[in-house]
Amino acid sequence: MHVSLIAAIGANRELGKDNKLLWHIKGDFNWFKQHTKGKVVIMGRNTYESIGKPLPKRLNVVLTSDPDYNPHPDVVVRNSLYKVFVEYRNELELMVIGGEALYKQCLPIANRIYLTEIDKAFDADTYFPDFDTELWDRFFHQKGTEDSDFNYSFNVYKKKLI
């Protein structure tokens, strides 16, 4: 089983502000959809609430400490990341889609990171965790082609085997 993080980040690892994304890049939405479709997506409660509904054609798992949280019949709610990993251990890839606290928690056990890297700094209140590039190999890189006010690229990193 692969544990993968997927995010779009600004030049200073910015993720969002006030529980909202900082940009709207159609190519990034397509990249996200392409890499999460048909997979288990794991997110924190705030991330789910910012999306507002289950993502279609994916198994949506929301982590929260609230035992009464039940946002939608098509959403699986769990209170333990360990339990999620045990429950979905036979999946080929689990996709962690945010937010900041969940990324931090999962980074040490992740073996892939899908990052849309945006070449612009933004005013933000949530950030993707810093990761040691000595421990990761970038094995995919492609510049974004959609017309936008800033440059961006799609990147996939694999944890090095030590």
Foldseek 3Di string as FASTA:
>chain_A
DAEEEEAEAEPQQFGAAPLEGPDDDPVSVVVVCVVAAQEEEEEEPSNCVSVPDDDPRYQAEYADCDPPDDRDPSYHYDPDPVVVCVVPVVTPYYYYYDDQVVLVVCVVVGFKYKYKYWHHDDDHDGGRDDDDCVQKDWPDKDWDDDDDPTTIIIIMIGGDDD
